[in-house]
N, C-alpha and C. Protein backbone atom coordinates (compact mmCIF):
# COMPACT_ATOMS: atom_id res chain seq x y z
N MET A 1 -34.07 46.29 15.55
CA MET A 1 -34.24 47.96 15.66
C MET A 1 -33.44 48.69 16.53
N ASP A 2 -32.25 48.38 16.89
CA ASP A 2 -31.49 49.07 18.06
C ASP A 2 -31.17 50.49 17.61
N ASN A 3 -31.27 50.61 16.38
CA ASN A 3 -30.64 52.25 16.18
C ASN A 3 -31.81 52.83 15.72
N ALA A 4 -33.20 52.70 15.96
CA ALA A 4 -34.10 53.17 15.65
C ALA A 4 -34.13 54.59 16.75
N LEU A 5 -34.85 55.60 16.11
CA LEU A 5 -34.85 56.76 16.79
C LEU A 5 -36.06 56.98 17.81
N GLN A 6 -35.77 57.11 19.10
CA GLN A 6 -36.82 57.10 19.92
C GLN A 6 -37.21 58.51 20.56
N VAL A 7 -38.55 58.67 20.14
CA VAL A 7 -38.97 60.04 20.35
C VAL A 7 -40.24 60.09 21.21
N PRO A 8 -40.16 60.89 22.60
CA PRO A 8 -41.21 60.93 23.28
C PRO A 8 -42.75 61.43 22.68
N LEU A 9 -43.64 60.96 22.84
CA LEU A 9 -44.96 61.29 22.44
C LEU A 9 -45.20 62.79 22.47
N TRP A 10 -44.79 63.15 23.95
CA TRP A 10 -45.19 64.79 24.03
C TRP A 10 -44.57 65.51 23.11
N LEU A 11 -43.09 65.19 22.81
CA LEU A 11 -42.34 65.88 22.11
C LEU A 11 -43.05 65.90 20.55
N LEU A 12 -43.46 64.62 19.99
CA LEU A 12 -43.89 64.53 18.69
C LEU A 12 -45.15 65.48 18.65
N VAL A 13 -46.07 65.77 19.69
CA VAL A 13 -47.54 66.19 19.66
C VAL A 13 -47.24 67.76 19.73
N LEU A 14 -46.21 67.99 20.40
CA LEU A 14 -45.85 69.57 20.47
C LEU A 14 -45.40 70.06 19.07
N VAL A 15 -44.20 69.18 18.17
CA VAL A 15 -43.85 69.73 17.08
C VAL A 15 -45.27 69.57 16.09
N ALA A 16 -45.58 68.60 15.99
CA ALA A 16 -46.83 68.31 15.18
C ALA A 16 -47.95 69.81 15.09
N ALA A 17 -48.11 70.05 16.40
CA ALA A 17 -49.02 71.35 17.00
C ALA A 17 -48.31 72.61 16.33
N TRP A 18 -46.87 72.83 16.54
CA TRP A 18 -46.22 73.79 16.25
C TRP A 18 -46.32 74.03 14.68
N LEU A 19 -45.88 72.70 14.04
CA LEU A 19 -46.22 72.78 12.23
C LEU A 19 -47.51 73.41 12.08
N GLY A 20 -48.39 72.51 12.84
CA GLY A 20 -49.88 72.95 12.16
C GLY A 20 -50.46 74.45 12.16
N ILE A 21 -49.84 74.94 13.41
CA ILE A 21 -50.04 76.09 13.51
C ILE A 21 -49.36 77.11 12.62
N ARG A 22 -47.91 76.87 12.46
CA ARG A 22 -47.15 77.61 11.73
C ARG A 22 -47.40 77.76 10.02
N LEU A 23 -47.44 76.25 9.70
CA LEU A 23 -47.42 76.15 8.14
C LEU A 23 -49.09 76.32 7.87
N TRP A 24 -50.03 75.58 8.65
CA TRP A 24 -51.39 75.54 7.75
C TRP A 24 -52.28 76.44 8.83
N ARG A 25 -51.91 77.25 9.39
CA ARG A 25 -52.61 78.43 10.23
C ARG A 25 -53.91 77.52 11.03
N ILE A 26 -53.72 76.53 11.45
CA ILE A 26 -54.79 76.06 12.26
C ILE A 26 -54.65 76.87 13.53
N PRO A 27 -55.97 77.28 13.82
CA PRO A 27 -56.00 78.05 15.25
C PRO A 27 -55.63 77.29 16.36
N LEU A 28 -55.06 78.07 17.54
CA LEU A 28 -54.17 77.35 18.65
C LEU A 28 -55.65 76.83 19.44
N TRP A 29 -56.79 77.24 19.48
CA TRP A 29 -57.71 76.72 20.10
C TRP A 29 -58.19 75.43 19.74
N LEU A 30 -58.05 75.22 18.37
CA LEU A 30 -58.57 73.67 17.97
C LEU A 30 -57.59 72.85 18.31
N VAL A 31 -55.92 73.38 18.10
CA VAL A 31 -55.16 72.55 18.58
C VAL A 31 -55.20 72.11 20.21
N THR A 32 -55.79 72.90 20.87
CA THR A 32 -55.87 72.64 22.21
C THR A 32 -56.88 71.60 22.63
N VAL A 33 -58.02 71.99 21.78
CA VAL A 33 -59.33 71.26 21.87
C VAL A 33 -58.84 69.67 21.55
N LEU A 34 -58.15 69.47 20.50
CA LEU A 34 -57.98 68.00 20.07
C LEU A 34 -56.72 67.53 21.06
N VAL A 35 -55.91 68.10 21.59
CA VAL A 35 -55.06 67.53 22.36
C VAL A 35 -55.67 67.38 23.78
N LEU A 36 -56.37 68.23 24.26
CA LEU A 36 -57.25 67.98 25.54
C LEU A 36 -58.37 66.77 25.36
N GLY A 37 -59.02 66.72 24.43
CA GLY A 37 -59.91 65.56 23.76
C GLY A 37 -59.43 64.49 23.50
N GLY A 38 -58.20 64.22 23.12
CA GLY A 38 -57.34 63.01 22.87
C GLY A 38 -57.10 62.51 24.07
N PHE A 39 -56.49 63.36 25.13
CA PHE A 39 -56.09 63.10 26.55
C PHE A 39 -57.06 62.54 27.30
N LEU A 40 -58.27 63.29 27.05
CA LEU A 40 -59.60 62.83 27.86
C LEU A 40 -59.80 61.41 27.69
N LEU A 41 -60.04 61.20 25.97
CA LEU A 41 -60.47 60.22 25.60
C LEU A 41 -59.73 59.05 25.96
N ALA A 42 -58.48 59.31 25.86
CA ALA A 42 -57.47 58.14 26.33
C ALA A 42 -57.72 57.45 27.84
N ASP A 43 -58.23 58.25 28.60
CA ASP A 43 -58.46 57.91 29.73
C ASP A 43 -60.05 57.60 30.25
N SER A 44 -60.72 57.33 29.24
CA SER A 44 -62.18 57.12 29.50
C SER A 44 -62.38 55.79 29.17
N ILE A 45 -63.83 55.25 29.34
CA ILE A 45 -63.94 54.09 29.29
C ILE A 45 -64.41 53.84 27.83
N LEU A 46 -64.40 54.81 26.81
CA LEU A 46 -64.20 54.29 25.60
C LEU A 46 -62.90 54.24 24.84
N ALA A 47 -61.70 54.33 26.02
CA ALA A 47 -60.52 54.08 25.22
C ALA A 47 -60.10 52.44 24.58
N PRO A 48 -60.63 51.36 25.19
CA PRO A 48 -60.85 49.97 24.65
C PRO A 48 -61.35 49.88 23.25
N ALA A 49 -62.46 50.54 23.12
CA ALA A 49 -63.22 50.68 21.71
C ALA A 49 -62.46 51.58 20.59
N VAL A 50 -61.97 52.62 21.20
CA VAL A 50 -61.37 53.28 19.99
C VAL A 50 -59.87 52.53 19.73
N ASN A 51 -59.34 51.77 20.49
CA ASN A 51 -57.95 51.17 20.33
C ASN A 51 -58.19 49.86 19.37
N ALA A 52 -59.51 49.37 19.68
CA ALA A 52 -59.76 48.03 18.92
C ALA A 52 -60.19 48.54 17.50
N LEU A 53 -60.64 49.94 17.42
CA LEU A 53 -61.15 50.33 16.12
C LEU A 53 -59.78 50.80 15.28
N ILE A 54 -58.90 51.34 15.77
CA ILE A 54 -57.88 51.71 15.16
C ILE A 54 -56.79 50.69 14.85
N LYS A 55 -56.98 49.65 15.39
CA LYS A 55 -55.77 48.40 15.26
C LYS A 55 -56.37 47.75 14.17
């Protein structure tokens, strides 16, 4: 996979949030809550449990 496109995660989240707000009329406060909630959850004690659940 040498020629695979590598996109930073923050850029992917930013584009997904922009598309969600623009195309599906998702409120900005909801996008903010989801992003901050995911950020806080990733750094919490629940992170290994969530990681095991999604793998």
